[in-house]
Amino acid sequence: MRATVAGETLTLFPERAAYWERRRTLLIADVHFGKAATFRAEGIPVPHGTTAEGLRRLDGLLDATDASRVVFLGDFLHAREGRARGTLRVLSEWRERRRGLELLLVRGNHDQHAGDPEPDLDVRCVDAPYVEAPFAFAHRPGVCDDGYVLAGHIHPSVRLIGAGRQSARLPCFWFGPRGGVLPAFGDFTGFGDADVADGDQVWVIAEGKVVQLVVAR
């Protein structure tokens, strides 16, 4: 689905990413590579292969678009404990296959603890806000005088309630008057509540589709 945000066209994908067509840029928030490895290091049994699965989805998005760059809106790595040998190997092998792709990370709160990605991944790392008019890329949602803020951090979702009072919580893209928030790309990230106001654009992800909601409060 396509959304007009700050006068620009963004294509919204059910894989929880947005494509900025004019700049051939794929926008992704909250990847949290190595989170499963962090859990396992703490004795919590979670499945292996989440990094490879995330990269598989990323490859699908790159193949479906004309992207020449990926901008990560913070939290590329989950924690220092997530720098497991297997995680780093999978990332390095993926990077070798995508060596011509530009990668930019706008540091988030988890990046402050985990540190920047390994040098062989060739990721340019910057602090927020990183302005490319009309946008200001950040990790935490907020307001910036220099551009419309695109961020992550809260893993936005909305709860839909049916006629029979059944409910479902769904990840969403949430665009307000001065800033927007992308859903978390990574697995095991959980959900946060989108504090939606009248006039906001909300697009939920459900059953492999992106669907726009009519906001009425």
N, C-alpha and C. Protein backbone atom coordinates (compact mmCIF):
# COMPACT_ATOMS: atom_id res chain seq x y z
N MET A 1 0.84 -1.19 0.00
CA MET A 1 0.00 0.00 0.00
C MET A 1 0.88 1.25 0.00
N ARG A 2 0.36 2.30 -0.63
CA ARG A 2 1.11 3.55 -0.69
C ARG A 2 0.45 4.60 0.20
N ALA A 3 1.30 5.33 0.91
CA ALA A 3 0.83 6.41 1.77
C ALA A 3 1.60 7.67 1.42
N THR A 4 0.92 8.81 1.48
CA THR A 4 1.58 10.10 1.29
C THR A 4 1.91 10.68 2.65
N VAL A 5 3.19 10.87 2.91
CA VAL A 5 3.68 11.33 4.21
C VAL A 5 4.63 12.48 3.97
N ALA A 6 4.31 13.64 4.52
CA ALA A 6 5.14 14.84 4.34
C ALA A 6 5.38 15.13 2.87
N GLY A 7 4.38 14.86 2.06
CA GLY A 7 4.47 15.13 0.63
C GLY A 7 5.24 14.09 -0.16
N GLU A 8 5.73 13.05 0.50
CA GLU A 8 6.49 12.00 -0.16
C GLU A 8 5.66 10.71 -0.22
N THR A 9 5.97 9.85 -1.19
CA THR A 9 5.29 8.57 -1.31
C THR A 9 6.10 7.49 -0.60
N LEU A 10 5.44 6.84 0.36
CA LEU A 10 6.03 5.70 1.05
C LEU A 10 5.19 4.46 0.71
N THR A 11 5.85 3.41 0.29
CA THR A 11 5.17 2.13 0.08
C THR A 11 5.33 1.31 1.36
N LEU A 12 4.20 0.88 1.92
CA LEU A 12 4.19 0.17 3.20
C LEU A 12 4.04 -1.32 2.93
N PHE A 13 4.93 -2.09 3.52
CA PHE A 13 4.94 -3.53 3.28
C PHE A 13 4.50 -4.29 4.53
N PRO A 14 3.79 -5.42 4.33
CA PRO A 14 3.39 -6.23 5.48
C PRO A 14 4.58 -6.87 6.20
N GLU A 15 5.73 -6.89 5.55
CA GLU A 15 6.95 -7.36 6.22
C GLU A 15 7.47 -6.35 7.24
N ARG A 16 6.70 -5.28 7.48
CA ARG A 16 6.98 -4.27 8.51
C ARG A 16 8.16 -3.37 8.12
N ALA A 17 8.07 -2.83 6.91
CA ALA A 17 9.06 -1.90 6.41
C ALA A 17 8.38 -0.93 5.46
N ALA A 18 9.03 0.20 5.23
CA ALA A 18 8.51 1.21 4.30
C ALA A 18 9.59 1.54 3.27
N TYR A 19 9.14 1.85 2.06
CA TYR A 19 10.07 2.17 0.97
C TYR A 19 9.83 3.60 0.52
N TRP A 20 10.87 4.43 0.63
CA TRP A 20 10.82 5.82 0.18
C TRP A 20 11.27 5.83 -1.27
N GLU A 21 10.31 5.96 -2.14
CA GLU A 21 10.58 5.74 -3.56
C GLU A 21 11.55 6.75 -4.14
N ARG A 22 11.38 8.02 -3.81
CA ARG A 22 12.20 9.05 -4.46
C ARG A 22 13.67 8.88 -4.16
N ARG A 23 14.00 8.35 -2.98
CA ARG A 23 15.41 8.18 -2.61
C ARG A 23 15.85 6.72 -2.65
N ARG A 24 15.00 5.84 -3.20
CA ARG A 24 15.34 4.41 -3.33
C ARG A 24 15.85 3.86 -2.00
N THR A 25 15.10 4.19 -0.93
CA THR A 25 15.54 3.87 0.43
C THR A 25 14.50 3.03 1.15
N LEU A 26 14.96 1.91 1.70
CA LEU A 26 14.12 1.05 2.52
C LEU A 26 14.30 1.48 3.97
N LEU A 27 13.19 1.72 4.66
CA LEU A 27 13.20 2.20 6.03
C LEU A 27 12.75 1.07 6.95
N ILE A 28 13.57 0.76 7.95
CA ILE A 28 13.31 -0.36 8.84
C ILE A 28 13.62 0.07 10.27
N ALA A 29 12.72 -0.26 11.19
CA ALA A 29 12.92 0.10 12.60
C ALA A 29 13.05 -1.16 13.46
N ASP A 30 13.88 -1.07 14.47
CA ASP A 30 13.91 -2.07 15.54
C ASP A 30 14.10 -3.50 15.02
N VAL A 31 15.24 -3.73 14.39
CA VAL A 31 15.57 -5.08 13.92
C VAL A 31 15.91 -6.00 15.09
N HIS A 32 16.68 -5.49 16.03
CA HIS A 32 17.07 -6.26 17.22
C HIS A 32 17.75 -7.58 16.86
N PHE A 33 18.69 -7.52 15.92
CA PHE A 33 19.46 -8.72 15.61
C PHE A 33 20.15 -9.21 16.89
N GLY A 34 20.16 -10.52 17.08
CA GLY A 34 20.82 -11.11 18.24
C GLY A 34 19.96 -11.16 19.49
N LYS A 35 18.68 -10.79 19.40
CA LYS A 35 17.85 -10.83 20.60
C LYS A 35 17.63 -12.26 21.08
N ALA A 36 17.39 -13.17 20.14
CA ALA A 36 17.21 -14.57 20.53
C ALA A 36 18.48 -15.11 21.18
N ALA A 37 19.63 -14.75 20.63
CA ALA A 37 20.91 -15.20 21.22
C ALA A 37 21.08 -14.63 22.62
N THR A 38 20.63 -13.41 22.83
CA THR A 38 20.68 -12.80 24.16
C THR A 38 19.82 -13.59 25.14
N PHE A 39 18.61 -13.97 24.70
CA PHE A 39 17.74 -14.76 25.55
C PHE A 39 18.41 -16.09 25.90
N ARG A 40 18.99 -16.73 24.89
CA ARG A 40 19.62 -18.03 25.16
C ARG A 40 20.79 -17.89 26.12
N ALA A 41 21.53 -16.78 26.01
CA ALA A 41 22.64 -16.54 26.93
C ALA A 41 22.15 -16.38 28.36
N GLU A 42 20.90 -15.97 28.52
CA GLU A 42 20.31 -15.80 29.84
C GLU A 42 19.54 -17.04 30.28
N GLY A 43 19.66 -18.13 29.50
CA GLY A 43 19.03 -19.37 29.88
C GLY A 43 17.58 -19.50 29.48
N ILE A 44 17.09 -18.60 28.60
CA ILE A 44 15.71 -18.66 28.14
C ILE A 44 15.68 -19.39 26.81
N PRO A 45 15.00 -20.53 26.72
CA PRO A 45 15.01 -21.30 25.47
C PRO A 45 14.13 -20.67 24.40
N VAL A 46 14.73 -20.17 23.35
CA VAL A 46 14.00 -19.61 22.21
C VAL A 46 14.59 -20.22 20.94
N PRO A 47 13.85 -20.21 19.84
CA PRO A 47 14.33 -20.86 18.62
C PRO A 47 15.59 -20.21 18.04
N HIS A 48 16.39 -21.02 17.36
CA HIS A 48 17.51 -20.52 16.58
C HIS A 48 16.99 -20.06 15.20
N GLY A 49 17.79 -19.29 14.50
CA GLY A 49 17.47 -18.94 13.12
C GLY A 49 16.71 -17.66 12.93
N THR A 50 16.50 -16.86 14.00
CA THR A 50 15.71 -15.63 13.84
C THR A 50 16.46 -14.58 13.03
N THR A 51 17.79 -14.52 13.17
CA THR A 51 18.56 -13.56 12.36
C THR A 51 18.48 -13.92 10.89
N ALA A 52 18.63 -15.19 10.57
CA ALA A 52 18.53 -15.62 9.18
C ALA A 52 17.14 -15.35 8.62
N GLU A 53 16.12 -15.56 9.43
CA GLU A 53 14.76 -15.30 8.96
C GLU A 53 14.54 -13.80 8.72
N GLY A 54 15.05 -12.97 9.60
CA GLY A 54 14.95 -11.53 9.39
C GLY A 54 15.66 -11.08 8.12
N LEU A 55 16.82 -11.63 7.86
CA LEU A 55 17.55 -11.29 6.64
C LEU A 55 16.85 -11.83 5.40
N ARG A 56 16.19 -12.97 5.54
CA ARG A 56 15.41 -13.49 4.41
C ARG A 56 14.28 -12.52 4.05
N ARG A 57 13.60 -12.00 5.06
CA ARG A 57 12.54 -11.02 4.79
C ARG A 57 13.13 -9.74 4.20
N LEU A 58 14.28 -9.33 4.69
CA LEU A 58 14.93 -8.14 4.15
C LEU A 58 15.32 -8.36 2.70
N ASP A 59 15.85 -9.53 2.37
CA ASP A 59 16.18 -9.84 0.98
C ASP A 59 14.95 -9.77 0.09
N GLY A 60 13.82 -10.29 0.58
CA GLY A 60 12.59 -10.23 -0.19
C GLY A 60 12.17 -8.80 -0.48
N LEU A 61 12.33 -7.92 0.50
CA LEU A 61 11.99 -6.51 0.29
C LEU A 61 12.93 -5.85 -0.70
N LEU A 62 14.21 -6.16 -0.60
CA LEU A 62 15.18 -5.59 -1.54
C LEU A 62 14.91 -6.06 -2.96
N ASP A 63 14.53 -7.32 -3.10
CA ASP A 63 14.23 -7.86 -4.43
C ASP A 63 12.93 -7.27 -4.99
N ALA A 64 12.01 -6.89 -4.11
CA ALA A 64 10.71 -6.37 -4.55
C ALA A 64 10.75 -4.87 -4.85
N THR A 65 11.82 -4.21 -4.48
CA THR A 65 11.94 -2.77 -4.69
C THR A 65 13.20 -2.48 -5.50
N ASP A 66 13.40 -1.20 -5.75
CA ASP A 66 14.61 -0.76 -6.43
C ASP A 66 15.56 -0.12 -5.43
N ALA A 67 15.53 -0.59 -4.18
CA ALA A 67 16.28 0.06 -3.11
C ALA A 67 17.79 -0.06 -3.33
N SER A 68 18.47 1.05 -3.13
CA SER A 68 19.93 1.06 -3.14
C SER A 68 20.49 1.32 -1.75
N ARG A 69 19.57 1.53 -0.78
CA ARG A 69 20.00 1.86 0.58
C ARG A 69 18.97 1.36 1.58
N VAL A 70 19.47 0.96 2.75
CA VAL A 70 18.60 0.65 3.88
C VAL A 70 18.94 1.59 5.01
N VAL A 71 17.93 2.25 5.56
CA VAL A 71 18.10 3.08 6.76
C VAL A 71 17.45 2.35 7.92
N PHE A 72 18.25 2.01 8.92
CA PHE A 72 17.76 1.36 10.13
C PHE A 72 17.47 2.45 11.17
N LEU A 73 16.22 2.52 11.61
CA LEU A 73 15.82 3.55 12.56
C LEU A 73 16.05 3.07 14.00
N GLY A 74 17.27 2.70 14.28
CA GLY A 74 17.66 2.35 15.63
C GLY A 74 17.48 0.89 16.00
N ASP A 75 18.25 0.48 17.01
CA ASP A 75 18.22 -0.87 17.59
C ASP A 75 18.52 -1.93 16.55
N PHE A 76 19.68 -1.79 15.93
CA PHE A 76 20.16 -2.80 14.97
C PHE A 76 20.52 -4.09 15.71
N LEU A 77 21.33 -3.97 16.75
CA LEU A 77 21.66 -5.10 17.61
C LEU A 77 20.92 -4.95 18.93
N HIS A 78 20.54 -6.08 19.52
CA HIS A 78 19.75 -6.01 20.74
C HIS A 78 20.60 -5.72 21.97
N ALA A 79 21.74 -6.40 22.08
CA ALA A 79 22.59 -6.25 23.27
C ALA A 79 23.97 -6.81 22.96
N ARG A 80 24.93 -6.48 23.80
CA ARG A 80 26.27 -7.04 23.63
C ARG A 80 26.24 -8.56 23.70
N GLU A 81 25.36 -9.10 24.55
CA GLU A 81 25.27 -10.55 24.70
C GLU A 81 24.75 -11.22 23.43
N GLY A 82 24.15 -10.43 22.54
CA GLY A 82 23.63 -10.97 21.29
C GLY A 82 24.67 -11.11 20.19
N ARG A 83 25.90 -10.69 20.48
CA ARG A 83 26.96 -10.81 19.47
C ARG A 83 27.51 -12.24 19.45
N ALA A 84 26.61 -13.19 19.36
CA ALA A 84 27.02 -14.59 19.31
C ALA A 84 27.72 -14.87 17.98
N ARG A 85 28.61 -15.86 18.00
CA ARG A 85 29.39 -16.17 16.80
C ARG A 85 28.48 -16.48 15.62
N GLY A 86 27.41 -17.26 15.86
CA GLY A 86 26.51 -17.62 14.78
C GLY A 86 25.78 -16.42 14.21
N THR A 87 25.35 -15.50 15.09
CA THR A 87 24.66 -14.29 14.63
C THR A 87 25.57 -13.46 13.76
N LEU A 88 26.78 -13.21 14.22
CA LEU A 88 27.72 -12.39 13.46
C LEU A 88 28.10 -13.05 12.13
N ARG A 89 28.22 -14.37 12.13
CA ARG A 89 28.55 -15.07 10.89
C ARG A 89 27.44 -14.91 9.86
N VAL A 90 26.19 -15.08 10.28
CA VAL A 90 25.07 -14.95 9.36
C VAL A 90 25.00 -13.52 8.81
N LEU A 91 25.19 -12.53 9.66
CA LEU A 91 25.17 -11.14 9.20
C LEU A 91 26.30 -10.88 8.21
N SER A 92 27.49 -11.40 8.50
CA SER A 92 28.65 -11.18 7.62
C SER A 92 28.43 -11.83 6.26
N GLU A 93 27.90 -13.03 6.26
CA GLU A 93 27.65 -13.72 4.99
C GLU A 93 26.60 -12.98 4.17
N TRP A 94 25.57 -12.47 4.83
CA TRP A 94 24.55 -11.68 4.11
C TRP A 94 25.18 -10.42 3.51
N ARG A 95 26.03 -9.76 4.29
CA ARG A 95 26.64 -8.52 3.80
C ARG A 95 27.51 -8.77 2.58
N GLU A 96 28.19 -9.89 2.54
CA GLU A 96 29.01 -10.21 1.37
C GLU A 96 28.16 -10.33 0.12
N ARG A 97 26.95 -10.84 0.26
CA ARG A 97 26.05 -10.96 -0.89
C ARG A 97 25.45 -9.62 -1.28
N ARG A 98 25.43 -8.67 -0.37
CA ARG A 98 24.80 -7.37 -0.61
C ARG A 98 25.83 -6.25 -0.46
N ARG A 99 27.04 -6.48 -0.92
CA ARG A 99 28.13 -5.54 -0.70
C ARG A 99 27.87 -4.18 -1.34
N GLY A 100 27.11 -4.13 -2.42
CA GLY A 100 26.85 -2.85 -3.07
C GLY A 100 25.74 -2.04 -2.43
N LEU A 101 25.11 -2.55 -1.41
CA LEU A 101 23.99 -1.88 -0.75
C LEU A 101 24.51 -0.93 0.32
N GLU A 102 24.02 0.31 0.31
CA GLU A 102 24.39 1.28 1.35
C GLU A 102 23.55 1.01 2.60
N LEU A 103 24.20 1.00 3.76
CA LEU A 103 23.52 0.78 5.03
C LEU A 103 23.78 1.95 5.96
N LEU A 104 22.72 2.48 6.53
CA LEU A 104 22.82 3.60 7.47
C LEU A 104 22.04 3.25 8.73
N LEU A 105 22.67 3.41 9.87
CA LEU A 105 22.02 3.18 11.16
C LEU A 105 21.92 4.49 11.93
N VAL A 106 20.70 4.87 12.28
CA VAL A 106 20.48 5.98 13.21
C VAL A 106 20.39 5.35 14.60
N ARG A 107 21.38 5.59 15.42
CA ARG A 107 21.53 4.85 16.67
C ARG A 107 20.30 4.99 17.58
N GLY A 108 19.93 3.85 18.20
CA GLY A 108 18.85 3.83 19.17
C GLY A 108 19.36 3.50 20.56
N ASN A 109 18.45 3.33 21.49
CA ASN A 109 18.85 3.08 22.87
C ASN A 109 19.57 1.74 23.03
N HIS A 110 19.15 0.71 22.31
CA HIS A 110 19.85 -0.58 22.41
C HIS A 110 21.23 -0.50 21.78
N ASP A 111 21.39 0.31 20.75
CA ASP A 111 22.71 0.46 20.13
C ASP A 111 23.70 1.10 21.08
N GLN A 112 23.22 1.95 21.98
CA GLN A 112 24.12 2.57 22.95
C GLN A 112 24.76 1.51 23.83
N HIS A 113 24.02 0.45 24.15
CA HIS A 113 24.57 -0.63 24.97
C HIS A 113 25.30 -1.67 24.13
N ALA A 114 24.72 -2.04 23.00
CA ALA A 114 25.30 -3.11 22.18
C ALA A 114 26.54 -2.67 21.43
N GLY A 115 26.63 -1.38 21.14
CA GLY A 115 27.72 -0.88 20.32
C GLY A 115 27.38 -0.91 18.85
N ASP A 116 28.17 -0.24 18.05
CA ASP A 116 27.93 -0.21 16.60
C ASP A 116 28.18 -1.59 16.00
N PRO A 117 27.57 -1.86 14.84
CA PRO A 117 27.80 -3.14 14.16
C PRO A 117 29.27 -3.36 13.84
N GLU A 118 29.62 -4.62 13.64
CA GLU A 118 31.01 -4.98 13.33
C GLU A 118 31.48 -4.23 12.08
N PRO A 119 32.76 -3.84 12.03
CA PRO A 119 33.27 -3.06 10.90
C PRO A 119 33.07 -3.74 9.55
N ASP A 120 33.12 -5.09 9.51
CA ASP A 120 33.00 -5.76 8.21
C ASP A 120 31.60 -5.64 7.63
N LEU A 121 30.62 -5.21 8.45
CA LEU A 121 29.26 -5.00 7.92
C LEU A 121 29.14 -3.68 7.18
N ASP A 122 30.12 -2.79 7.35
CA ASP A 122 30.16 -1.53 6.60
C ASP A 122 28.85 -0.77 6.74
N VAL A 123 28.46 -0.51 8.00
CA VAL A 123 27.25 0.25 8.30
C VAL A 123 27.67 1.64 8.77
N ARG A 124 27.19 2.66 8.09
CA ARG A 124 27.45 4.02 8.55
C ARG A 124 26.53 4.32 9.72
N CYS A 125 27.09 4.78 10.84
CA CYS A 125 26.33 4.99 12.06
C CYS A 125 26.29 6.48 12.41
N VAL A 126 25.09 7.00 12.68
CA VAL A 126 24.92 8.41 13.00
C VAL A 126 23.98 8.53 14.19
N ASP A 127 24.03 9.69 14.84
CA ASP A 127 23.10 9.99 15.92
C ASP A 127 21.88 10.71 15.37
N ALA A 128 20.79 10.60 16.09
CA ALA A 128 19.55 11.28 15.70
C ALA A 128 19.57 12.73 16.18
N PRO A 129 18.84 13.59 15.46
CA PRO A 129 18.13 13.32 14.21
C PRO A 129 19.06 13.42 13.01
N TYR A 130 18.81 12.59 12.02
CA TYR A 130 19.56 12.62 10.77
C TYR A 130 18.59 13.12 9.71
N VAL A 131 18.84 14.33 9.21
CA VAL A 131 17.86 15.01 8.37
C VAL A 131 18.16 14.79 6.90
N GLU A 132 17.15 14.31 6.19
CA GLU A 132 17.12 14.27 4.74
C GLU A 132 15.74 14.77 4.35
N ALA A 133 15.68 16.06 4.02
CA ALA A 133 14.40 16.71 3.79
C ALA A 133 13.52 15.90 2.83
N PRO A 134 12.23 15.78 3.18
CA PRO A 134 11.54 16.45 4.28
C PRO A 134 11.55 15.68 5.59
N PHE A 135 12.36 14.61 5.68
CA PHE A 135 12.32 13.75 6.86
C PHE A 135 13.48 14.04 7.81
N ALA A 136 13.24 13.71 9.06
CA ALA A 136 14.28 13.67 10.08
C ALA A 136 14.23 12.27 10.68
N PHE A 137 15.25 11.47 10.40
CA PHE A 137 15.27 10.09 10.86
C PHE A 137 15.73 10.04 12.32
N ALA A 138 15.04 9.25 13.12
CA ALA A 138 15.36 9.13 14.54
C ALA A 138 14.98 7.73 15.01
N HIS A 139 15.31 7.45 16.25
CA HIS A 139 14.82 6.20 16.85
C HIS A 139 13.61 6.46 17.74
N ARG A 140 13.72 7.41 18.61
CA ARG A 140 12.60 7.75 19.49
C ARG A 140 11.67 8.74 18.79
N PRO A 141 10.38 8.53 18.85
CA PRO A 141 9.43 9.51 18.28
C PRO A 141 9.59 10.86 18.97
N GLY A 142 9.34 11.88 18.22
CA GLY A 142 9.43 13.23 18.77
C GLY A 142 9.14 14.26 17.69
N VAL A 143 9.53 15.49 17.98
CA VAL A 143 9.31 16.60 17.06
C VAL A 143 10.66 17.22 16.72
N CYS A 144 10.85 17.54 15.47
CA CYS A 144 12.08 18.17 15.00
C CYS A 144 11.72 19.33 14.09
N ASP A 145 12.31 20.48 14.34
CA ASP A 145 12.03 21.66 13.51
C ASP A 145 12.56 21.51 12.10
N ASP A 146 13.49 20.57 11.89
CA ASP A 146 14.14 20.45 10.59
C ASP A 146 13.50 19.42 9.67
N GLY A 147 12.46 18.72 10.15
CA GLY A 147 11.82 17.74 9.27
C GLY A 147 10.76 16.92 9.98
N TYR A 148 10.03 16.18 9.18
CA TYR A 148 9.02 15.26 9.69
C TYR A 148 9.75 14.03 10.23
N VAL A 149 9.54 13.72 11.49
CA VAL A 149 10.30 12.67 12.16
C VAL A 149 9.73 11.30 11.79
N LEU A 150 10.60 10.42 11.31
CA LEU A 150 10.28 9.01 11.13
C LEU A 150 11.11 8.23 12.14
N ALA A 151 10.42 7.41 12.96
CA ALA A 151 11.09 6.77 14.08
C ALA A 151 10.54 5.37 14.29
N GLY A 152 11.04 4.75 15.34
CA GLY A 152 10.59 3.42 15.76
C GLY A 152 10.39 3.42 17.26
N HIS A 153 11.10 2.53 17.95
CA HIS A 153 11.23 2.47 19.40
C HIS A 153 10.02 1.91 20.14
N ILE A 154 8.81 2.37 19.82
CA ILE A 154 7.67 1.95 20.64
C ILE A 154 6.98 0.70 20.11
N HIS A 155 7.39 0.20 18.94
CA HIS A 155 6.77 -1.00 18.36
C HIS A 155 5.25 -0.83 18.28
N PRO A 156 4.77 0.15 17.52
CA PRO A 156 3.37 0.57 17.61
C PRO A 156 2.39 -0.52 17.18
N SER A 157 1.26 -0.53 17.88
CA SER A 157 0.17 -1.46 17.55
C SER A 157 -1.14 -0.83 17.98
N VAL A 158 -2.22 -1.37 17.45
CA VAL A 158 -3.56 -0.97 17.87
C VAL A 158 -4.35 -2.24 18.17
N ARG A 159 -5.32 -2.11 19.07
CA ARG A 159 -6.22 -3.22 19.39
C ARG A 159 -7.55 -2.99 18.71
N LEU A 160 -7.96 -3.95 17.88
CA LEU A 160 -9.23 -3.89 17.20
C LEU A 160 -10.23 -4.78 17.92
N ILE A 161 -11.45 -4.29 18.11
CA ILE A 161 -12.48 -5.02 18.83
C ILE A 161 -13.65 -5.24 17.89
N GLY A 162 -14.05 -6.50 17.72
CA GLY A 162 -15.14 -6.86 16.82
C GLY A 162 -16.50 -6.74 17.45
N ALA A 163 -17.52 -7.01 16.64
CA ALA A 163 -18.89 -6.88 17.11
C ALA A 163 -19.20 -7.84 18.26
N GLY A 164 -18.55 -8.99 18.28
CA GLY A 164 -18.76 -9.96 19.34
C GLY A 164 -17.81 -9.77 20.51
N ARG A 165 -17.16 -8.61 20.59
CA ARG A 165 -16.21 -8.24 21.63
C ARG A 165 -14.90 -9.03 21.54
N GLN A 166 -14.71 -9.81 20.45
CA GLN A 166 -13.41 -10.42 20.25
C GLN A 166 -12.42 -9.33 19.87
N SER A 167 -11.16 -9.53 20.20
CA SER A 167 -10.19 -8.48 19.94
C SER A 167 -8.89 -9.07 19.40
N ALA A 168 -8.14 -8.22 18.74
CA ALA A 168 -6.82 -8.61 18.21
C ALA A 168 -5.92 -7.39 18.25
N ARG A 169 -4.68 -7.61 18.67
CA ARG A 169 -3.68 -6.54 18.65
C ARG A 169 -2.82 -6.72 17.41
N LEU A 170 -2.72 -5.65 16.61
CA LEU A 170 -2.02 -5.73 15.34
C LEU A 170 -0.94 -4.66 15.26
N PRO A 171 0.24 -5.02 14.71
CA PRO A 171 1.26 -4.00 14.48
C PRO A 171 0.78 -3.01 13.44
N CYS A 172 1.31 -1.79 13.50
CA CYS A 172 0.81 -0.76 12.59
C CYS A 172 1.90 0.25 12.23
N PHE A 173 1.67 0.92 11.11
CA PHE A 173 2.35 2.15 10.74
C PHE A 173 1.46 3.29 11.23
N TRP A 174 2.07 4.26 11.88
CA TRP A 174 1.28 5.34 12.51
C TRP A 174 1.91 6.68 12.13
N PHE A 175 1.15 7.50 11.41
CA PHE A 175 1.65 8.79 10.94
C PHE A 175 0.78 9.90 11.48
N GLY A 176 1.38 10.78 12.29
CA GLY A 176 0.72 11.95 12.82
C GLY A 176 1.08 13.19 12.04
N PRO A 177 0.70 14.37 12.55
CA PRO A 177 0.95 15.60 11.79
C PRO A 177 2.42 15.98 11.66
N ARG A 178 3.26 15.61 12.64
CA ARG A 178 4.67 16.02 12.59
C ARG A 178 5.65 14.85 12.69
N GLY A 179 5.12 13.64 12.82
CA GLY A 179 6.01 12.50 12.91
C GLY A 179 5.27 11.19 12.74
N GLY A 180 6.00 10.17 12.34
CA GLY A 180 5.43 8.84 12.15
C GLY A 180 6.30 7.78 12.80
N VAL A 181 5.68 6.64 13.08
CA VAL A 181 6.38 5.54 13.75
C VAL A 181 6.16 4.27 12.94
N LEU A 182 7.24 3.56 12.68
CA LEU A 182 7.18 2.30 11.94
C LEU A 182 7.08 1.13 12.90
N PRO A 183 6.43 0.05 12.48
CA PRO A 183 6.38 -1.15 13.33
C PRO A 183 7.77 -1.77 13.46
N ALA A 184 7.95 -2.55 14.51
CA ALA A 184 9.22 -3.24 14.72
C ALA A 184 9.40 -4.32 13.66
N PHE A 185 10.57 -4.35 13.05
CA PHE A 185 10.87 -5.35 12.03
C PHE A 185 11.25 -6.69 12.65
N GLY A 186 11.89 -6.65 13.81
CA GLY A 186 12.43 -7.86 14.41
C GLY A 186 11.39 -8.73 15.09
N ASP A 187 11.79 -9.96 15.37
CA ASP A 187 10.96 -10.89 16.13
C ASP A 187 11.22 -10.71 17.63
N PHE A 188 10.32 -11.24 18.44
CA PHE A 188 10.43 -11.18 19.90
C PHE A 188 10.51 -9.75 20.41
N THR A 189 9.83 -8.82 19.74
CA THR A 189 9.94 -7.42 20.14
C THR A 189 8.77 -6.95 20.98
N GLY A 190 7.62 -7.62 20.92
CA GLY A 190 6.46 -7.17 21.66
C GLY A 190 5.81 -5.96 21.01
N PHE A 191 4.76 -5.47 21.65
CA PHE A 191 3.99 -4.36 21.11
C PHE A 191 3.89 -3.22 22.13
N GLY A 192 3.78 -2.00 21.60
CA GLY A 192 3.44 -0.84 22.39
C GLY A 192 2.18 -0.21 21.82
N ASP A 193 1.51 0.59 22.61
CA ASP A 193 0.26 1.21 22.17
C ASP A 193 0.53 2.48 21.38
N ALA A 194 -0.10 2.58 20.22
CA ALA A 194 -0.06 3.83 19.44
C ALA A 194 -1.14 4.75 19.98
N ASP A 195 -0.74 5.91 20.44
CA ASP A 195 -1.68 6.88 21.01
C ASP A 195 -2.26 7.71 19.87
N VAL A 196 -3.20 7.11 19.16
CA VAL A 196 -3.71 7.68 17.91
C VAL A 196 -4.66 8.85 18.20
N ALA A 197 -4.52 9.91 17.41
CA ALA A 197 -5.39 11.08 17.51
C ALA A 197 -6.17 11.26 16.21
N ASP A 198 -7.25 12.02 16.29
CA ASP A 198 -8.03 12.33 15.09
C ASP A 198 -7.12 12.93 14.02
N GLY A 199 -7.29 12.47 12.79
CA GLY A 199 -6.50 12.99 11.68
C GLY A 199 -5.24 12.21 11.42
N ASP A 200 -4.83 11.31 12.32
CA ASP A 200 -3.66 10.48 12.08
C ASP A 200 -3.96 9.42 11.02
N GLN A 201 -2.92 9.03 10.30
CA GLN A 201 -3.02 7.89 9.39
C GLN A 201 -2.52 6.64 10.11
N VAL A 202 -3.33 5.59 10.10
CA VAL A 202 -2.94 4.33 10.72
C VAL A 202 -3.17 3.21 9.71
N TRP A 203 -2.13 2.42 9.51
CA TRP A 203 -2.18 1.29 8.60
C TRP A 203 -1.79 0.05 9.39
N VAL A 204 -2.71 -0.92 9.52
CA VAL A 204 -2.42 -2.12 10.28
C VAL A 204 -1.94 -3.23 9.35
N ILE A 205 -1.22 -4.18 9.94
CA ILE A 205 -0.74 -5.35 9.20
C ILE A 205 -1.52 -6.55 9.69
N ALA A 206 -2.24 -7.18 8.77
CA ALA A 206 -3.09 -8.31 9.14
C ALA A 206 -3.13 -9.31 8.00
N GLU A 207 -2.84 -10.57 8.31
CA GLU A 207 -2.91 -11.66 7.34
C GLU A 207 -2.15 -11.35 6.05
N GLY A 208 -0.95 -10.81 6.22
CA GLY A 208 -0.10 -10.55 5.07
C GLY A 208 -0.49 -9.36 4.24
N LYS A 209 -1.31 -8.47 4.79
CA LYS A 209 -1.75 -7.29 4.05
C LYS A 209 -1.59 -6.05 4.92
N VAL A 210 -1.49 -4.89 4.25
CA VAL A 210 -1.48 -3.61 4.93
C VAL A 210 -2.82 -2.94 4.64
N VAL A 211 -3.55 -2.60 5.70
CA VAL A 211 -4.91 -2.08 5.56
C VAL A 211 -5.02 -0.77 6.32
N GLN A 212 -5.56 0.25 5.68
CA GLN A 212 -5.72 1.54 6.35
C GLN A 212 -6.96 1.54 7.23
N LEU A 213 -6.83 2.09 8.44
CA LEU A 213 -7.96 2.21 9.35
C LEU A 213 -8.56 3.60 9.23
N VAL A 214 -9.85 3.67 9.48
CA VAL A 214 -10.52 4.96 9.63
C VAL A 214 -10.48 5.30 11.11
N VAL A 215 -9.80 6.39 11.45
CA VAL A 215 -9.62 6.75 12.84
C VAL A 215 -10.81 7.54 13.33
N ALA A 216 -11.49 7.04 14.34
CA ALA A 216 -12.64 7.73 14.93
C ALA A 216 -12.56 7.53 16.43
N ARG A 217 -12.47 8.62 17.17
CA ARG A 217 -12.33 8.52 18.63
C ARG A 217 -13.46 9.30 19.31
